N, C-alpha and C. Protein backbone atom coordinates (compact mmCIF):
# COMPACT_ATOMS: atom_id res chain seq x y z
N MET A 1 -269.83 49.12 -4.87
CA MET A 1 -270.16 50.47 -4.51
C MET A 1 -269.42 51.45 -5.43
N LEU A 2 -268.12 51.26 -5.62
CA LEU A 2 -267.36 52.18 -6.46
C LEU A 2 -267.85 52.14 -7.90
N LEU A 3 -268.18 50.94 -8.40
CA LEU A 3 -268.65 50.82 -9.77
C LEU A 3 -269.96 51.59 -9.95
N LEU A 4 -270.85 51.51 -8.95
CA LEU A 4 -272.10 52.25 -9.01
C LEU A 4 -271.82 53.74 -9.14
N MET A 5 -270.88 54.22 -8.37
CA MET A 5 -270.57 55.66 -8.41
C MET A 5 -269.96 56.04 -9.75
N ILE A 6 -269.08 55.23 -10.27
CA ILE A 6 -268.45 55.53 -11.55
C ILE A 6 -269.49 55.61 -12.66
N CYS A 7 -270.37 54.61 -12.72
CA CYS A 7 -271.40 54.60 -13.76
C CYS A 7 -272.35 55.78 -13.60
N ALA A 8 -272.75 56.06 -12.36
CA ALA A 8 -273.66 57.17 -12.10
C ALA A 8 -272.99 58.50 -12.46
N SER A 9 -271.72 58.62 -12.16
CA SER A 9 -271.01 59.87 -12.46
C SER A 9 -270.95 60.10 -13.96
N LEU A 10 -270.62 59.07 -14.70
CA LEU A 10 -270.52 59.23 -16.15
C LEU A 10 -271.86 59.60 -16.74
N HIS A 11 -272.95 59.00 -16.24
CA HIS A 11 -274.28 59.34 -16.72
C HIS A 11 -274.60 60.79 -16.34
N GLY A 12 -274.29 61.16 -15.10
CA GLY A 12 -274.59 62.50 -14.61
C GLY A 12 -273.87 63.57 -15.39
N PHE A 13 -272.61 63.34 -15.71
CA PHE A 13 -271.85 64.35 -16.43
C PHE A 13 -272.41 64.57 -17.83
N SER A 14 -272.96 63.52 -18.45
CA SER A 14 -273.54 63.68 -19.78
C SER A 14 -274.82 64.51 -19.73
N GLN A 15 -275.44 64.63 -18.55
CA GLN A 15 -276.66 65.40 -18.38
C GLN A 15 -276.39 66.87 -18.11
N ASN A 16 -275.15 67.24 -17.79
CA ASN A 16 -274.86 68.60 -17.38
C ASN A 16 -275.30 69.66 -18.38
N THR A 17 -275.16 69.40 -19.66
CA THR A 17 -275.55 70.38 -20.67
C THR A 17 -277.04 70.65 -20.60
N GLN A 18 -277.84 69.61 -20.50
CA GLN A 18 -279.29 69.77 -20.41
C GLN A 18 -279.67 70.50 -19.12
N VAL A 19 -279.06 70.11 -18.02
CA VAL A 19 -279.35 70.73 -16.72
C VAL A 19 -278.98 72.21 -16.75
N SER A 20 -277.81 72.53 -17.28
CA SER A 20 -277.37 73.93 -17.36
C SER A 20 -278.33 74.76 -18.21
N GLU A 21 -278.80 74.18 -19.30
CA GLU A 21 -279.73 74.89 -20.18
C GLU A 21 -281.06 75.16 -19.46
N VAL A 22 -281.58 74.17 -18.75
CA VAL A 22 -282.82 74.35 -18.00
C VAL A 22 -282.64 75.46 -16.96
N ALA A 23 -281.52 75.44 -16.25
CA ALA A 23 -281.25 76.46 -15.22
C ALA A 23 -281.13 77.84 -15.85
N ARG A 24 -280.37 77.93 -16.92
CA ARG A 24 -280.16 79.22 -17.59
C ARG A 24 -281.49 79.80 -18.10
N ASN A 25 -282.32 78.93 -18.71
CA ASN A 25 -283.58 79.41 -19.28
C ASN A 25 -284.63 79.75 -18.23
N GLY A 26 -284.56 79.12 -17.06
CA GLY A 26 -285.61 79.33 -16.06
C GLY A 26 -285.22 80.13 -14.84
N MET A 27 -283.94 80.47 -14.70
CA MET A 27 -283.48 81.11 -13.47
C MET A 27 -284.18 82.43 -13.18
N THR A 28 -284.23 83.32 -14.15
CA THR A 28 -284.78 84.65 -13.91
C THR A 28 -286.22 84.58 -13.42
N SER A 29 -287.05 83.80 -14.08
CA SER A 29 -288.45 83.70 -13.65
C SER A 29 -288.56 82.98 -12.31
N TYR A 30 -287.67 82.02 -12.04
CA TYR A 30 -287.74 81.30 -10.77
C TYR A 30 -287.33 82.20 -9.60
N LEU A 31 -286.35 83.07 -9.82
CA LEU A 31 -285.95 84.00 -8.77
C LEU A 31 -287.10 84.92 -8.37
N ASP A 32 -287.97 85.22 -9.32
CA ASP A 32 -289.12 86.08 -9.02
C ASP A 32 -290.09 85.43 -8.04
N TYR A 33 -290.01 84.10 -7.87
CA TYR A 33 -290.87 83.40 -6.91
C TYR A 33 -290.43 83.64 -5.46
N ILE A 34 -289.21 84.13 -5.26
CA ILE A 34 -288.74 84.39 -3.90
C ILE A 34 -289.62 85.51 -3.32
N PRO A 35 -290.27 85.24 -2.19
CA PRO A 35 -291.15 86.26 -1.61
C PRO A 35 -290.40 87.54 -1.24
N GLN A 36 -291.07 88.66 -1.47
CA GLN A 36 -290.52 89.98 -1.09
C GLN A 36 -290.12 89.94 0.38
N GLY A 37 -288.90 90.40 0.67
CA GLY A 37 -288.42 90.44 2.05
C GLY A 37 -287.65 89.19 2.48
N LEU A 38 -287.65 88.15 1.65
CA LEU A 38 -286.93 86.92 2.00
C LEU A 38 -285.70 86.69 1.12
N GLU A 39 -285.24 87.75 0.49
CA GLU A 39 -284.09 87.63 -0.40
C GLU A 39 -282.85 87.14 0.35
N LYS A 40 -282.59 87.65 1.54
CA LYS A 40 -281.38 87.27 2.30
C LYS A 40 -281.38 85.78 2.64
N GLN A 41 -282.54 85.22 2.96
CA GLN A 41 -282.61 83.79 3.28
C GLN A 41 -282.33 82.92 2.05
N HIS A 42 -282.40 83.52 0.89
CA HIS A 42 -282.13 82.79 -0.36
C HIS A 42 -280.78 83.15 -0.96
N GLY A 43 -279.98 83.97 -0.25
CA GLY A 43 -278.62 84.27 -0.70
C GLY A 43 -278.40 85.61 -1.35
N PHE A 44 -279.42 86.45 -1.38
CA PHE A 44 -279.32 87.75 -2.06
C PHE A 44 -279.51 88.89 -1.07
N ASN A 45 -278.87 90.01 -1.34
CA ASN A 45 -279.03 91.18 -0.49
C ASN A 45 -280.33 91.92 -0.77
N ASN A 46 -280.74 91.89 -2.05
CA ASN A 46 -281.96 92.60 -2.47
C ASN A 46 -282.39 92.07 -3.83
N ARG A 47 -283.58 92.49 -4.27
CA ARG A 47 -284.13 92.00 -5.53
C ARG A 47 -283.35 92.54 -6.74
N GLU A 48 -282.69 93.68 -6.58
CA GLU A 48 -281.92 94.26 -7.68
C GLU A 48 -280.84 93.29 -8.14
N GLU A 49 -280.32 92.49 -7.20
CA GLU A 49 -279.26 91.53 -7.57
C GLU A 49 -279.76 90.46 -8.53
N PHE A 50 -281.05 90.21 -8.57
CA PHE A 50 -281.59 89.20 -9.49
C PHE A 50 -281.22 89.55 -10.93
N SER A 51 -281.21 90.83 -11.26
CA SER A 51 -280.93 91.24 -12.64
C SER A 51 -279.47 90.98 -13.02
N ARG A 52 -278.59 90.84 -12.03
CA ARG A 52 -277.17 90.58 -12.30
C ARG A 52 -276.82 89.09 -12.14
N ALA A 53 -277.80 88.28 -11.80
CA ALA A 53 -277.54 86.85 -11.56
C ALA A 53 -277.32 86.11 -12.88
N THR A 54 -276.32 85.22 -12.84
CA THR A 54 -276.04 84.33 -13.96
C THR A 54 -275.88 82.91 -13.41
N THR A 55 -275.99 81.93 -14.28
CA THR A 55 -275.77 80.56 -13.83
C THR A 55 -274.28 80.23 -13.88
N GLY A 56 -273.86 79.39 -12.96
CA GLY A 56 -272.46 78.97 -12.89
C GLY A 56 -272.34 77.47 -13.05
N ALA A 57 -271.46 76.89 -12.28
CA ALA A 57 -271.14 75.47 -12.39
C ALA A 57 -272.31 74.58 -11.99
N THR A 58 -272.31 73.38 -12.55
CA THR A 58 -273.32 72.36 -12.24
C THR A 58 -272.68 71.25 -11.44
N TYR A 59 -273.33 70.87 -10.35
CA TYR A 59 -272.89 69.76 -9.49
C TYR A 59 -273.90 68.63 -9.57
N GLN A 60 -273.43 67.43 -9.84
CA GLN A 60 -274.29 66.26 -9.74
C GLN A 60 -274.42 65.92 -8.26
N ILE A 61 -275.64 65.74 -7.78
CA ILE A 61 -275.87 65.41 -6.37
C ILE A 61 -275.93 63.89 -6.23
N MET A 62 -275.08 63.38 -5.33
CA MET A 62 -275.08 61.95 -5.01
C MET A 62 -275.27 61.82 -3.50
N ALA A 63 -275.62 60.62 -3.06
CA ALA A 63 -275.88 60.38 -1.65
C ALA A 63 -275.06 59.20 -1.16
N VAL A 64 -274.63 59.28 0.11
CA VAL A 64 -273.97 58.15 0.77
C VAL A 64 -274.83 57.82 1.99
N ASP A 65 -275.12 56.52 2.19
CA ASP A 65 -275.93 56.14 3.34
C ASP A 65 -275.06 55.67 4.50
N GLU A 66 -275.70 55.29 5.60
CA GLU A 66 -274.96 54.91 6.81
C GLU A 66 -274.09 53.67 6.63
N ASN A 67 -274.34 52.89 5.57
CA ASN A 67 -273.52 51.71 5.28
C ASN A 67 -272.42 52.00 4.27
N GLY A 68 -272.32 53.24 3.84
CA GLY A 68 -271.29 53.61 2.87
C GLY A 68 -271.69 53.38 1.43
N ASN A 69 -272.95 53.05 1.18
CA ASN A 69 -273.41 52.85 -0.19
C ASN A 69 -273.66 54.21 -0.84
N ILE A 70 -273.13 54.37 -2.03
CA ILE A 70 -273.26 55.63 -2.75
C ILE A 70 -274.20 55.44 -3.92
N SER A 71 -275.12 56.38 -4.06
CA SER A 71 -276.07 56.29 -5.16
C SER A 71 -276.35 57.69 -5.72
N PRO A 72 -276.67 57.75 -7.00
CA PRO A 72 -277.00 59.05 -7.58
C PRO A 72 -278.40 59.47 -7.16
N THR A 73 -278.61 60.75 -7.06
CA THR A 73 -279.97 61.26 -6.97
C THR A 73 -280.32 61.68 -8.38
N GLN A 74 -281.49 62.07 -8.61
CA GLN A 74 -281.86 62.54 -9.94
C GLN A 74 -281.84 64.07 -10.00
N PHE A 75 -281.02 64.66 -9.11
CA PHE A 75 -281.00 66.10 -9.00
C PHE A 75 -279.58 66.65 -9.13
N TYR A 76 -279.53 67.93 -9.49
CA TYR A 76 -278.28 68.65 -9.69
C TYR A 76 -278.42 70.01 -9.02
N TYR A 77 -277.28 70.56 -8.59
CA TYR A 77 -277.24 71.94 -8.14
C TYR A 77 -276.56 72.75 -9.23
N VAL A 78 -277.12 73.91 -9.52
CA VAL A 78 -276.50 74.86 -10.44
C VAL A 78 -276.26 76.14 -9.66
N ALA A 79 -275.03 76.60 -9.66
CA ALA A 79 -274.66 77.80 -8.92
C ALA A 79 -275.34 79.03 -9.53
N VAL A 80 -275.81 79.90 -8.65
CA VAL A 80 -276.33 81.21 -9.06
C VAL A 80 -275.27 82.22 -8.65
N MET A 81 -274.70 82.87 -9.64
CA MET A 81 -273.58 83.80 -9.44
C MET A 81 -274.06 85.24 -9.53
N VAL A 82 -273.55 86.09 -8.63
CA VAL A 82 -273.77 87.53 -8.70
C VAL A 82 -272.41 88.19 -8.52
N ASP A 83 -271.99 88.91 -9.53
CA ASP A 83 -270.71 89.61 -9.50
C ASP A 83 -269.55 88.67 -9.17
N GLY A 84 -269.56 87.48 -9.75
CA GLY A 84 -268.46 86.53 -9.59
C GLY A 84 -268.47 85.72 -8.31
N THR A 85 -269.53 85.84 -7.51
CA THR A 85 -269.62 85.11 -6.26
C THR A 85 -270.85 84.21 -6.28
N CYS A 86 -270.68 82.97 -5.86
CA CYS A 86 -271.80 82.04 -5.79
C CYS A 86 -272.67 82.43 -4.59
N ARG A 87 -273.93 82.77 -4.86
CA ARG A 87 -274.81 83.29 -3.82
C ARG A 87 -275.90 82.30 -3.43
N ALA A 88 -276.28 81.43 -4.35
CA ALA A 88 -277.37 80.48 -4.10
C ALA A 88 -277.20 79.30 -5.04
N MET A 89 -278.01 78.29 -4.80
CA MET A 89 -277.99 77.11 -5.67
C MET A 89 -279.41 76.87 -6.18
N LEU A 90 -279.51 76.60 -7.48
CA LEU A 90 -280.77 76.12 -8.05
C LEU A 90 -280.73 74.61 -7.99
N THR A 91 -281.80 74.00 -7.54
CA THR A 91 -281.91 72.54 -7.60
C THR A 91 -282.69 72.23 -8.86
N VAL A 92 -282.07 71.44 -9.74
CA VAL A 92 -282.68 71.08 -11.02
C VAL A 92 -282.81 69.57 -11.06
N GLY A 93 -283.97 69.10 -11.47
CA GLY A 93 -284.17 67.66 -11.56
C GLY A 93 -285.41 67.33 -12.35
N GLU A 94 -285.58 66.06 -12.57
CA GLU A 94 -286.72 65.58 -13.34
C GLU A 94 -287.83 65.16 -12.39
N VAL A 95 -288.99 65.74 -12.59
CA VAL A 95 -290.18 65.38 -11.83
C VAL A 95 -291.31 65.18 -12.84
N ASP A 96 -291.99 64.04 -12.71
CA ASP A 96 -293.08 63.70 -13.63
C ASP A 96 -292.64 63.74 -15.09
N GLY A 97 -291.42 63.28 -15.34
CA GLY A 97 -290.91 63.18 -16.71
C GLY A 97 -290.44 64.48 -17.32
N LYS A 98 -290.42 65.55 -16.54
CA LYS A 98 -290.00 66.84 -17.09
C LYS A 98 -288.88 67.43 -16.25
N MET A 99 -287.80 67.83 -16.91
CA MET A 99 -286.67 68.46 -16.24
C MET A 99 -287.02 69.91 -15.95
N GLY A 100 -286.79 70.33 -14.70
CA GLY A 100 -287.09 71.71 -14.34
C GLY A 100 -286.41 72.11 -13.05
N ILE A 101 -286.50 73.39 -12.74
CA ILE A 101 -285.98 73.92 -11.49
C ILE A 101 -286.96 73.55 -10.38
N GLN A 102 -286.42 73.00 -9.29
CA GLN A 102 -287.25 72.56 -8.18
C GLN A 102 -287.21 73.54 -7.00
N SER A 103 -286.08 74.20 -6.80
CA SER A 103 -285.96 75.14 -5.68
C SER A 103 -284.75 76.04 -5.90
N VAL A 104 -284.71 77.10 -5.10
CA VAL A 104 -283.57 78.01 -5.09
C VAL A 104 -283.27 78.36 -3.65
N GLY A 105 -282.00 78.50 -3.35
CA GLY A 105 -281.60 78.85 -1.99
C GLY A 105 -280.26 78.24 -1.65
N ALA A 106 -280.17 77.65 -0.46
CA ALA A 106 -278.94 77.03 0.04
C ALA A 106 -277.76 77.99 0.05
N PRO A 107 -277.94 79.20 0.62
CA PRO A 107 -276.83 80.16 0.59
C PRO A 107 -275.60 79.71 1.37
N ILE A 108 -275.77 78.93 2.43
CA ILE A 108 -274.61 78.45 3.19
C ILE A 108 -273.82 77.45 2.36
N LEU A 109 -274.51 76.56 1.67
CA LEU A 109 -273.85 75.62 0.76
C LEU A 109 -273.16 76.39 -0.36
N ALA A 110 -273.84 77.37 -0.93
CA ALA A 110 -273.26 78.16 -2.03
C ALA A 110 -271.98 78.85 -1.58
N GLU A 111 -272.00 79.41 -0.39
CA GLU A 111 -270.81 80.09 0.13
C GLU A 111 -269.66 79.10 0.33
N GLY A 112 -269.97 77.92 0.87
CA GLY A 112 -268.93 76.90 1.07
C GLY A 112 -268.33 76.43 -0.24
N LEU A 113 -269.16 76.20 -1.24
CA LEU A 113 -268.67 75.77 -2.55
C LEU A 113 -267.85 76.87 -3.22
N ASP A 114 -268.32 78.11 -3.11
CA ASP A 114 -267.61 79.24 -3.71
C ASP A 114 -266.21 79.37 -3.10
N HIS A 115 -266.15 79.29 -1.79
CA HIS A 115 -264.86 79.38 -1.10
C HIS A 115 -263.93 78.24 -1.52
N LEU A 116 -264.46 77.02 -1.57
CA LEU A 116 -263.63 75.86 -1.91
C LEU A 116 -263.13 75.95 -3.36
N GLU A 117 -264.01 76.32 -4.28
CA GLU A 117 -263.59 76.44 -5.69
C GLU A 117 -262.48 77.48 -5.86
N LYS A 118 -262.60 78.59 -5.16
CA LYS A 118 -261.57 79.63 -5.27
C LYS A 118 -260.28 79.17 -4.61
N GLU A 119 -260.37 78.50 -3.48
CA GLU A 119 -259.19 78.00 -2.78
C GLU A 119 -258.43 76.97 -3.61
N LEU A 120 -259.18 76.09 -4.29
CA LEU A 120 -258.56 75.01 -5.07
C LEU A 120 -258.27 75.42 -6.51
N HIS A 121 -258.72 76.60 -6.93
CA HIS A 121 -258.56 77.05 -8.32
C HIS A 121 -259.13 76.01 -9.28
N VAL A 122 -260.39 75.64 -9.07
CA VAL A 122 -261.05 74.61 -9.87
C VAL A 122 -261.25 75.10 -11.30
N ALA A 123 -260.89 74.27 -12.25
CA ALA A 123 -261.05 74.60 -13.67
C ALA A 123 -262.53 74.72 -14.01
N GLY A 124 -262.84 75.65 -14.89
CA GLY A 124 -264.23 75.86 -15.29
C GLY A 124 -264.89 74.64 -15.90
N ASP A 125 -264.10 73.81 -16.58
CA ASP A 125 -264.68 72.64 -17.24
C ASP A 125 -264.58 71.37 -16.39
N ALA A 126 -264.21 71.50 -15.12
CA ALA A 126 -264.11 70.32 -14.25
C ALA A 126 -265.49 69.71 -14.02
N ASN A 127 -265.53 68.40 -13.91
CA ASN A 127 -266.75 67.72 -13.49
C ASN A 127 -266.87 67.87 -11.98
N ARG A 128 -268.09 68.12 -11.52
CA ARG A 128 -268.32 68.41 -10.11
C ARG A 128 -269.34 67.44 -9.52
N ILE A 129 -269.03 66.94 -8.33
CA ILE A 129 -269.95 66.07 -7.59
C ILE A 129 -270.17 66.68 -6.22
N LEU A 130 -271.40 66.69 -5.78
CA LEU A 130 -271.71 67.04 -4.40
C LEU A 130 -272.24 65.77 -3.75
N LEU A 131 -271.49 65.25 -2.81
CA LEU A 131 -271.87 64.01 -2.13
C LEU A 131 -272.48 64.37 -0.78
N ASN A 132 -273.76 64.05 -0.62
CA ASN A 132 -274.48 64.36 0.60
C ASN A 132 -274.59 63.12 1.49
N ASP A 133 -274.24 63.30 2.75
CA ASP A 133 -274.47 62.30 3.78
C ASP A 133 -275.71 62.79 4.53
N TYR A 134 -276.88 62.27 4.14
CA TYR A 134 -278.13 62.74 4.71
C TYR A 134 -278.31 62.28 6.15
N VAL A 135 -277.66 61.19 6.53
CA VAL A 135 -277.74 60.70 7.91
C VAL A 135 -277.11 61.69 8.87
N HIS A 136 -275.91 62.18 8.52
CA HIS A 136 -275.17 63.09 9.40
C HIS A 136 -275.30 64.55 8.99
N LYS A 137 -276.12 64.79 7.96
CA LYS A 137 -276.40 66.15 7.47
C LYS A 137 -275.13 66.90 7.11
N CYS A 138 -274.32 66.29 6.25
CA CYS A 138 -273.10 66.95 5.82
C CYS A 138 -272.81 66.64 4.35
N SER A 139 -271.95 67.47 3.75
CA SER A 139 -271.69 67.37 2.32
C SER A 139 -270.20 67.48 2.00
N PHE A 140 -269.83 66.85 0.88
CA PHE A 140 -268.47 66.85 0.36
C PHE A 140 -268.53 67.21 -1.12
N ALA A 141 -267.51 67.90 -1.61
CA ALA A 141 -267.43 68.24 -3.02
C ALA A 141 -266.23 67.53 -3.64
N ALA A 142 -266.39 67.11 -4.88
CA ALA A 142 -265.29 66.50 -5.63
C ALA A 142 -265.21 67.19 -6.98
N TYR A 143 -263.99 67.37 -7.44
CA TYR A 143 -263.73 68.02 -8.73
C TYR A 143 -262.81 67.12 -9.53
N GLN A 144 -263.19 66.86 -10.79
CA GLN A 144 -262.40 65.97 -11.63
C GLN A 144 -262.22 66.57 -13.01
N GLN A 145 -261.11 66.20 -13.64
CA GLN A 145 -260.92 66.56 -15.03
C GLN A 145 -261.86 65.70 -15.87
N GLN A 146 -262.20 66.19 -17.04
CA GLN A 146 -263.06 65.44 -17.95
C GLN A 146 -262.48 64.05 -18.18
N GLY A 147 -263.29 63.02 -18.05
CA GLY A 147 -262.87 61.65 -18.31
C GLY A 147 -262.13 60.97 -17.18
N ALA A 148 -261.90 61.65 -16.06
CA ALA A 148 -261.18 61.05 -14.93
C ALA A 148 -262.08 60.04 -14.23
N SER A 149 -261.45 59.06 -13.62
CA SER A 149 -262.17 58.02 -12.91
C SER A 149 -262.69 58.54 -11.57
N ALA A 150 -263.98 58.34 -11.31
CA ALA A 150 -264.58 58.83 -10.06
C ALA A 150 -263.98 58.15 -8.83
N GLU A 151 -263.51 56.92 -9.00
CA GLU A 151 -262.95 56.22 -7.83
C GLU A 151 -261.64 56.85 -7.36
N ARG A 152 -261.04 57.68 -8.19
CA ARG A 152 -259.79 58.34 -7.80
C ARG A 152 -260.00 59.79 -7.36
N ALA A 153 -261.24 60.21 -7.26
CA ALA A 153 -261.54 61.59 -6.89
C ALA A 153 -261.16 61.86 -5.44
N SER A 154 -260.81 63.10 -5.18
CA SER A 154 -260.61 63.57 -3.82
C SER A 154 -261.89 64.30 -3.41
N PHE A 155 -262.40 63.97 -2.24
CA PHE A 155 -263.62 64.59 -1.73
C PHE A 155 -263.23 65.57 -0.63
N PHE A 156 -263.68 66.80 -0.80
CA PHE A 156 -263.34 67.88 0.13
C PHE A 156 -264.54 68.16 1.03
N PRO A 157 -264.34 68.12 2.34
CA PRO A 157 -265.46 68.38 3.24
C PRO A 157 -265.86 69.85 3.23
N LEU A 158 -267.15 70.08 3.12
CA LEU A 158 -267.70 71.43 3.24
C LEU A 158 -267.90 71.71 4.72
N PRO A 159 -268.21 72.95 5.11
CA PRO A 159 -268.33 73.26 6.55
C PRO A 159 -269.21 72.30 7.34
N SER A 160 -270.31 71.84 6.77
CA SER A 160 -271.18 70.90 7.49
C SER A 160 -270.44 69.59 7.78
N ALA A 161 -269.64 69.12 6.82
CA ALA A 161 -268.89 67.88 7.01
C ALA A 161 -267.74 68.07 7.98
N LYS A 162 -267.09 69.22 7.93
CA LYS A 162 -265.99 69.49 8.86
C LYS A 162 -266.50 69.44 10.30
N ALA A 163 -267.69 70.00 10.53
CA ALA A 163 -268.26 69.99 11.89
C ALA A 163 -268.53 68.56 12.33
N TYR A 164 -269.13 67.75 11.46
CA TYR A 164 -269.41 66.35 11.82
C TYR A 164 -268.12 65.56 12.02
N LEU A 165 -267.19 65.69 11.08
CA LEU A 165 -265.96 64.91 11.13
C LEU A 165 -265.13 65.23 12.38
N SER A 166 -265.19 66.46 12.84
CA SER A 166 -264.45 66.79 14.06
C SER A 166 -265.01 66.02 15.25
N GLN A 167 -266.30 65.69 15.22
CA GLN A 167 -266.93 64.91 16.29
C GLN A 167 -266.46 63.46 16.29
N VAL A 168 -266.06 62.95 15.13
CA VAL A 168 -265.62 61.55 15.04
C VAL A 168 -264.09 61.46 14.98
N GLY A 169 -263.42 62.58 15.22
CA GLY A 169 -261.97 62.58 15.30
C GLY A 169 -261.25 62.53 13.97
N SER A 170 -261.88 63.02 12.91
CA SER A 170 -261.26 63.03 11.60
C SER A 170 -261.19 64.48 11.11
N ASN A 171 -260.02 64.91 10.71
CA ASN A 171 -259.88 66.31 10.27
C ASN A 171 -259.01 66.45 9.03
N GLN A 172 -259.11 65.50 8.12
CA GLN A 172 -258.35 65.59 6.87
C GLN A 172 -258.89 66.72 6.01
N SER A 173 -258.04 67.27 5.16
CA SER A 173 -258.49 68.31 4.24
C SER A 173 -259.19 67.73 3.02
N SER A 174 -258.90 66.46 2.70
CA SER A 174 -259.59 65.76 1.62
C SER A 174 -259.58 64.27 1.91
N TYR A 175 -260.47 63.55 1.25
CA TYR A 175 -260.65 62.13 1.48
C TYR A 175 -260.74 61.39 0.16
N THR A 176 -260.12 60.21 0.10
CA THR A 176 -260.41 59.32 -1.01
C THR A 176 -261.79 58.74 -0.72
N LEU A 177 -262.39 58.08 -1.68
CA LEU A 177 -263.71 57.51 -1.46
C LEU A 177 -263.72 56.49 -0.32
N PRO A 178 -262.75 55.55 -0.26
CA PRO A 178 -262.75 54.61 0.88
C PRO A 178 -262.56 55.32 2.23
N GLU A 179 -261.72 56.35 2.27
CA GLU A 179 -261.52 57.10 3.51
C GLU A 179 -262.80 57.82 3.93
N LEU A 180 -263.49 58.39 2.95
CA LEU A 180 -264.73 59.10 3.24
C LEU A 180 -265.78 58.14 3.80
N VAL A 181 -265.94 57.00 3.15
CA VAL A 181 -266.92 56.01 3.61
C VAL A 181 -266.61 55.57 5.03
N LYS A 182 -265.33 55.33 5.31
CA LYS A 182 -264.94 54.93 6.68
C LYS A 182 -265.24 56.05 7.67
N ALA A 183 -264.93 57.28 7.31
CA ALA A 183 -265.14 58.41 8.21
C ALA A 183 -266.63 58.62 8.53
N VAL A 184 -267.51 58.53 7.53
CA VAL A 184 -268.93 58.75 7.80
C VAL A 184 -269.59 57.54 8.43
N SER A 185 -268.92 56.39 8.40
CA SER A 185 -269.45 55.19 9.05
C SER A 185 -268.99 55.07 10.50
N THR A 186 -268.08 55.97 10.93
CA THR A 186 -267.56 55.95 12.29
C THR A 186 -268.59 56.58 13.23
N PRO A 187 -268.93 55.88 14.33
CA PRO A 187 -269.88 56.48 15.28
C PRO A 187 -269.30 57.72 15.94
N SER A 188 -270.17 58.67 16.27
CA SER A 188 -269.74 59.90 16.97
C SER A 188 -269.19 59.54 18.33
N LYS A 189 -268.22 60.35 18.78
CA LYS A 189 -267.62 60.13 20.10
C LYS A 189 -268.51 60.72 21.17
């Protein structure tokens, strides 16, 4: 399981440049797809903020299943920043052999990541992983220095994970990979 994550992480990090470029080149036109009046549901106060939006950090999205198996998805989140605050996430991935933006939104996730990055003072060049537990509907973020081993990463629970973990009696501020797998494999009380 750990080897799969390490290999997937190394592959994912090499894709970040391409993913960032796709997001940067397509963000403005993709934001225009947000229906009039639904800006707040997508993380924006109004359409005027679209003109101030820039792309931020890229997160490789990985998944953990109910057995603790971790696998890469073929998707990435790219932060959409307005005035230095992460407001939304672009989902970028390959569909039908072409890399492109798939969706925009996730303002609650964006807010959680923004808060965590500021709290931890994450370096701009850090490698980022977003580990989703789709079974329990919760997410963890990991930040690593370039070239660091993924098996030694610390995973920080986002608000969705904190809510779930409190139900299973776990309230650590960060988890090693084995601790995280054990925590998400624990049945709810």
